[in-house]
Amino acid sequence: MLIAQAAIVILLVDFVSGLVHWAEDTFWTETTPVVGRWIVEPNVLHHNDGSAFTQNNWLQSSWDLSVVGALILGLAWLLDQLLWREEQPLLRDPPRP
């Protein structure tokens, strides 16, 4: 069961990241406020020059993903959802009378 859960999570993360990348390519430009300069501009550079990301270290290339991951992790912690195999509090069945 644990292997199936891990596979589902990996597939879900891959799908969501692909969806975000597609939305970024479709709806945002380099002039989009906030994300244009920080996210779209490097992505467009990568599309034009596939080796552009290799000229930066990992942190320079992935700081935005780290921030989003930390925000998601913080939200999960606040909602008490940092569980893997235990019963999840928000998904429990209501008590029976």
N, C-alpha and C. Protein backbone atom coordinates (compact mmCIF):
# COMPACT_ATOMS: atom_id res chain seq x y z
N MET A 1 0.82 -1.20 0.00
CA MET A 1 0.00 0.00 0.00
C MET A 1 0.86 1.26 0.00
N LEU A 2 1.96 1.24 0.74
CA LEU A 2 2.85 2.39 0.81
C LEU A 2 3.45 2.71 -0.56
N ILE A 3 3.82 1.68 -1.32
CA ILE A 3 4.38 1.90 -2.66
C ILE A 3 3.34 2.51 -3.58
N ALA A 4 2.11 2.06 -3.49
CA ALA A 4 1.03 2.62 -4.32
C ALA A 4 0.79 4.08 -3.96
N GLN A 5 0.80 4.40 -2.66
CA GLN A 5 0.61 5.79 -2.23
C GLN A 5 1.75 6.67 -2.75
N ALA A 6 2.97 6.18 -2.66
CA ALA A 6 4.13 6.95 -3.14
C ALA A 6 4.03 7.17 -4.65
N ALA A 7 3.62 6.15 -5.39
CA ALA A 7 3.48 6.28 -6.84
C ALA A 7 2.40 7.30 -7.19
N ILE A 8 1.29 7.29 -6.48
CA ILE A 8 0.21 8.24 -6.73
C ILE A 8 0.67 9.66 -6.44
N VAL A 9 1.40 9.85 -5.36
CA VAL A 9 1.90 11.18 -5.02
C VAL A 9 2.87 11.68 -6.09
N ILE A 10 3.76 10.82 -6.54
CA ILE A 10 4.73 11.21 -7.58
C ILE A 10 4.00 11.58 -8.86
N LEU A 11 3.02 10.79 -9.28
CA LEU A 11 2.26 11.10 -10.48
C LEU A 11 1.47 12.40 -10.34
N LEU A 12 0.90 12.63 -9.16
CA LEU A 12 0.14 13.86 -8.92
C LEU A 12 1.05 15.08 -8.97
N VAL A 13 2.21 15.00 -8.35
CA VAL A 13 3.16 16.11 -8.36
C VAL A 13 3.63 16.38 -9.78
N ASP A 14 3.91 15.33 -10.54
CA ASP A 14 4.35 15.51 -11.92
C ASP A 14 3.26 16.17 -12.76
N PHE A 15 2.01 15.76 -12.57
CA PHE A 15 0.90 16.35 -13.30
C PHE A 15 0.73 17.83 -12.96
N VAL A 16 0.76 18.14 -11.67
CA VAL A 16 0.58 19.53 -11.23
C VAL A 16 1.73 20.40 -11.75
N SER A 17 2.96 19.90 -11.69
CA SER A 17 4.08 20.70 -12.18
C SER A 17 3.97 20.92 -13.68
N GLY A 18 3.52 19.93 -14.42
CA GLY A 18 3.29 20.10 -15.85
C GLY A 18 2.19 21.10 -16.14
N LEU A 19 1.13 21.07 -15.34
CA LEU A 19 0.03 22.01 -15.50
C LEU A 19 0.49 23.44 -15.22
N VAL A 20 1.28 23.63 -14.18
CA VAL A 20 1.81 24.95 -13.86
C VAL A 20 2.74 25.43 -14.97
N HIS A 21 3.59 24.55 -15.48
CA HIS A 21 4.50 24.93 -16.56
C HIS A 21 3.71 25.32 -17.82
N TRP A 22 2.67 24.57 -18.13
CA TRP A 22 1.83 24.90 -19.28
C TRP A 22 1.16 26.26 -19.09
N ALA A 23 0.60 26.50 -17.89
CA ALA A 23 -0.05 27.78 -17.61
C ALA A 23 0.95 28.93 -17.71
N GLU A 24 2.14 28.69 -17.22
CA GLU A 24 3.20 29.70 -17.29
C GLU A 24 3.52 30.04 -18.75
N ASP A 25 3.64 29.02 -19.58
CA ASP A 25 3.94 29.24 -21.00
C ASP A 25 2.77 29.87 -21.75
N THR A 26 1.56 29.56 -21.33
CA THR A 26 0.36 29.99 -22.06
C THR A 26 -0.13 31.37 -21.66
N PHE A 27 -0.14 31.67 -20.36
CA PHE A 27 -0.81 32.87 -19.89
C PHE A 27 0.11 33.98 -19.39
N TRP A 28 1.34 33.66 -19.02
CA TRP A 28 2.23 34.67 -18.46
C TRP A 28 3.28 35.08 -19.48
N THR A 29 3.76 36.30 -19.35
CA THR A 29 4.85 36.80 -20.19
C THR A 29 5.92 37.39 -19.28
N GLU A 30 7.01 37.83 -19.89
CA GLU A 30 8.08 38.43 -19.11
C GLU A 30 7.63 39.71 -18.42
N THR A 31 6.53 40.32 -18.89
CA THR A 31 6.04 41.57 -18.30
C THR A 31 4.93 41.34 -17.27
N THR A 32 4.57 40.10 -17.01
CA THR A 32 3.55 39.81 -16.00
C THR A 32 4.07 40.28 -14.64
N PRO A 33 3.25 41.06 -13.91
CA PRO A 33 3.71 41.56 -12.60
C PRO A 33 4.18 40.42 -11.69
N VAL A 34 5.22 40.66 -10.96
CA VAL A 34 5.85 39.80 -9.97
C VAL A 34 6.47 38.54 -10.60
N VAL A 35 5.67 37.65 -11.14
CA VAL A 35 6.20 36.38 -11.63
C VAL A 35 6.91 36.48 -12.97
N GLY A 36 6.63 37.52 -13.73
CA GLY A 36 7.24 37.65 -15.05
C GLY A 36 8.75 37.70 -15.00
N ARG A 37 9.27 38.56 -14.18
CA ARG A 37 10.72 38.75 -14.08
C ARG A 37 11.41 37.56 -13.42
N TRP A 38 10.80 37.03 -12.36
CA TRP A 38 11.44 35.99 -11.57
C TRP A 38 11.24 34.58 -12.11
N ILE A 39 10.10 34.33 -12.71
CA ILE A 39 9.78 32.96 -13.12
C ILE A 39 9.72 32.81 -14.64
N VAL A 40 8.98 33.68 -15.32
CA VAL A 40 8.78 33.52 -16.76
C VAL A 40 10.05 33.84 -17.55
N GLU A 41 10.73 34.90 -17.16
CA GLU A 41 11.94 35.29 -17.92
C GLU A 41 12.98 34.16 -17.97
N PRO A 42 13.34 33.54 -16.83
CA PRO A 42 14.29 32.42 -16.91
C PRO A 42 13.74 31.23 -17.70
N ASN A 43 12.42 31.02 -17.62
CA ASN A 43 11.82 29.91 -18.36
C ASN A 43 11.90 30.15 -19.87
N VAL A 44 11.64 31.38 -20.31
CA VAL A 44 11.74 31.70 -21.73
C VAL A 44 13.19 31.54 -22.18
N LEU A 45 14.12 31.99 -21.35
CA LEU A 45 15.53 31.81 -21.68
C LEU A 45 15.85 30.33 -21.84
N HIS A 46 15.32 29.50 -20.95
CA HIS A 46 15.54 28.05 -21.04
C HIS A 46 14.95 27.48 -22.33
N HIS A 47 13.80 27.97 -22.74
CA HIS A 47 13.19 27.48 -23.98
C HIS A 47 14.03 27.88 -25.19
N ASN A 48 14.63 29.05 -25.13
CA ASN A 48 15.45 29.51 -26.25
C ASN A 48 16.85 28.89 -26.24
N ASP A 49 17.38 28.60 -25.07
CA ASP A 49 18.70 28.01 -24.91
C ASP A 49 18.61 26.93 -23.84
N GLY A 50 18.50 25.69 -24.27
CA GLY A 50 18.28 24.57 -23.35
C GLY A 50 19.34 24.42 -22.28
N SER A 51 20.52 24.93 -22.50
CA SER A 51 21.59 24.78 -21.51
C SER A 51 21.69 25.99 -20.57
N ALA A 52 20.76 26.93 -20.67
CA ALA A 52 20.84 28.16 -19.86
C ALA A 52 20.81 27.86 -18.37
N PHE A 53 20.02 26.86 -17.95
CA PHE A 53 19.92 26.55 -16.52
C PHE A 53 21.22 25.98 -15.97
N THR A 54 22.03 25.38 -16.81
CA THR A 54 23.27 24.77 -16.32
C THR A 54 24.33 25.81 -15.98
N GLN A 55 24.07 27.06 -16.31
CA GLN A 55 25.04 28.11 -16.01
C GLN A 55 24.84 28.68 -14.61
N ASN A 56 23.80 28.25 -13.91
CA ASN A 56 23.52 28.68 -12.54
C ASN A 56 23.65 27.48 -11.61
N ASN A 57 23.85 27.76 -10.32
CA ASN A 57 23.84 26.65 -9.38
C ASN A 57 22.39 26.27 -9.07
N TRP A 58 22.20 25.21 -8.28
CA TRP A 58 20.85 24.71 -8.03
C TRP A 58 19.98 25.75 -7.35
N LEU A 59 20.52 26.44 -6.36
CA LEU A 59 19.73 27.42 -5.62
C LEU A 59 19.30 28.58 -6.51
N GLN A 60 20.16 29.03 -7.39
CA GLN A 60 19.80 30.12 -8.30
C GLN A 60 18.70 29.69 -9.27
N SER A 61 18.69 28.43 -9.65
CA SER A 61 17.69 27.93 -10.60
C SER A 61 16.39 27.51 -9.94
N SER A 62 16.43 27.13 -8.66
CA SER A 62 15.25 26.51 -8.04
C SER A 62 14.77 27.20 -6.78
N TRP A 63 15.16 28.43 -6.56
CA TRP A 63 14.74 29.12 -5.34
C TRP A 63 13.23 29.25 -5.27
N ASP A 64 12.58 29.50 -6.43
CA ASP A 64 11.13 29.67 -6.44
C ASP A 64 10.41 28.38 -6.06
N LEU A 65 10.92 27.25 -6.54
CA LEU A 65 10.32 25.96 -6.18
C LEU A 65 10.50 25.67 -4.69
N SER A 66 11.64 26.07 -4.16
CA SER A 66 11.89 25.88 -2.72
C SER A 66 10.93 26.70 -1.88
N VAL A 67 10.67 27.93 -2.30
CA VAL A 67 9.74 28.79 -1.57
C VAL A 67 8.33 28.20 -1.60
N VAL A 68 7.88 27.79 -2.77
CA VAL A 68 6.53 27.20 -2.89
C VAL A 68 6.44 25.92 -2.05
N GLY A 69 7.47 25.09 -2.12
CA GLY A 69 7.49 23.86 -1.31
C GLY A 69 7.43 24.16 0.17
N ALA A 70 8.17 25.16 0.62
CA ALA A 70 8.15 25.53 2.03
C ALA A 70 6.79 26.06 2.44
N LEU A 71 6.15 26.83 1.56
CA LEU A 71 4.79 27.33 1.87
C LEU A 71 3.79 26.19 1.99
N ILE A 72 3.87 25.23 1.08
CA ILE A 72 2.97 24.07 1.12
C ILE A 72 3.23 23.26 2.39
N LEU A 73 4.49 23.04 2.71
CA LEU A 73 4.84 22.30 3.92
C LEU A 73 4.35 23.02 5.17
N GLY A 74 4.52 24.35 5.21
CA GLY A 74 4.04 25.13 6.34
C GLY A 74 2.53 25.07 6.48
N LEU A 75 1.82 25.14 5.36
CA LEU A 75 0.36 25.05 5.39
C LEU A 75 -0.08 23.67 5.88
N ALA A 76 0.58 22.62 5.41
CA ALA A 76 0.25 21.27 5.86
C ALA A 76 0.50 21.12 7.35
N TRP A 77 1.58 21.73 7.85
CA TRP A 77 1.88 21.68 9.28
C TRP A 77 0.81 22.42 10.08
N LEU A 78 0.42 23.62 9.60
CA LEU A 78 -0.62 24.38 10.30
C LEU A 78 -1.95 23.64 10.34
N LEU A 79 -2.26 22.89 9.28
CA LEU A 79 -3.51 22.14 9.22
C LEU A 79 -3.39 20.75 9.83
N ASP A 80 -2.23 20.46 10.45
CA ASP A 80 -1.98 19.16 11.08
C ASP A 80 -2.15 18.02 10.08
N GLN A 81 -1.60 18.21 8.89
CA GLN A 81 -1.71 17.21 7.84
C GLN A 81 -0.37 16.60 7.45
N LEU A 82 0.62 16.71 8.31
CA LEU A 82 1.92 16.10 8.03
C LEU A 82 1.90 14.64 8.47
N LEU A 83 1.05 13.88 7.84
CA LEU A 83 0.87 12.47 8.15
C LEU A 83 1.06 11.66 6.88
N TRP A 84 1.48 10.45 7.02
CA TRP A 84 1.60 9.62 5.83
C TRP A 84 0.66 8.43 5.94
N ARG A 85 0.87 7.61 6.96
CA ARG A 85 0.07 6.40 7.05
C ARG A 85 -0.93 6.43 8.19
N GLU A 86 -0.83 7.42 9.05
CA GLU A 86 -1.77 7.51 10.16
C GLU A 86 -3.11 8.04 9.65
N GLU A 87 -4.12 7.91 10.49
CA GLU A 87 -5.42 8.45 10.15
C GLU A 87 -5.32 9.96 10.07
N GLN A 88 -5.86 10.55 9.03
CA GLN A 88 -5.75 11.99 8.83
C GLN A 88 -6.92 12.71 9.50
N PRO A 89 -6.63 13.69 10.37
CA PRO A 89 -7.68 14.35 11.17
C PRO A 89 -8.79 14.97 10.33
N LEU A 90 -8.49 15.61 9.22
CA LEU A 90 -9.54 16.27 8.44
C LEU A 90 -10.41 15.27 7.66
N LEU A 91 -9.96 14.02 7.57
CA LEU A 91 -10.69 13.03 6.78
C LEU A 91 -11.38 11.99 7.62
N ARG A 92 -11.37 12.15 8.93
CA ARG A 92 -12.01 11.17 9.82
C ARG A 92 -13.51 11.15 9.63
N ASP A 93 -14.08 9.99 9.89
CA ASP A 93 -15.54 9.89 9.91
C ASP A 93 -16.04 10.59 11.16
N PRO A 94 -17.19 11.26 11.09
CA PRO A 94 -17.72 11.92 12.29
C PRO A 94 -18.08 10.88 13.35
N PRO A 95 -18.01 11.27 14.64
CA PRO A 95 -18.35 10.31 15.70
C PRO A 95 -19.81 9.88 15.59
N ARG A 96 -20.04 8.63 15.90
CA ARG A 96 -21.41 8.11 15.84
C ARG A 96 -22.08 8.26 17.20
N PRO A 97 -23.35 8.64 17.20
CA PRO A 97 -24.05 8.81 18.50
C PRO A 97 -24.34 7.50 19.17
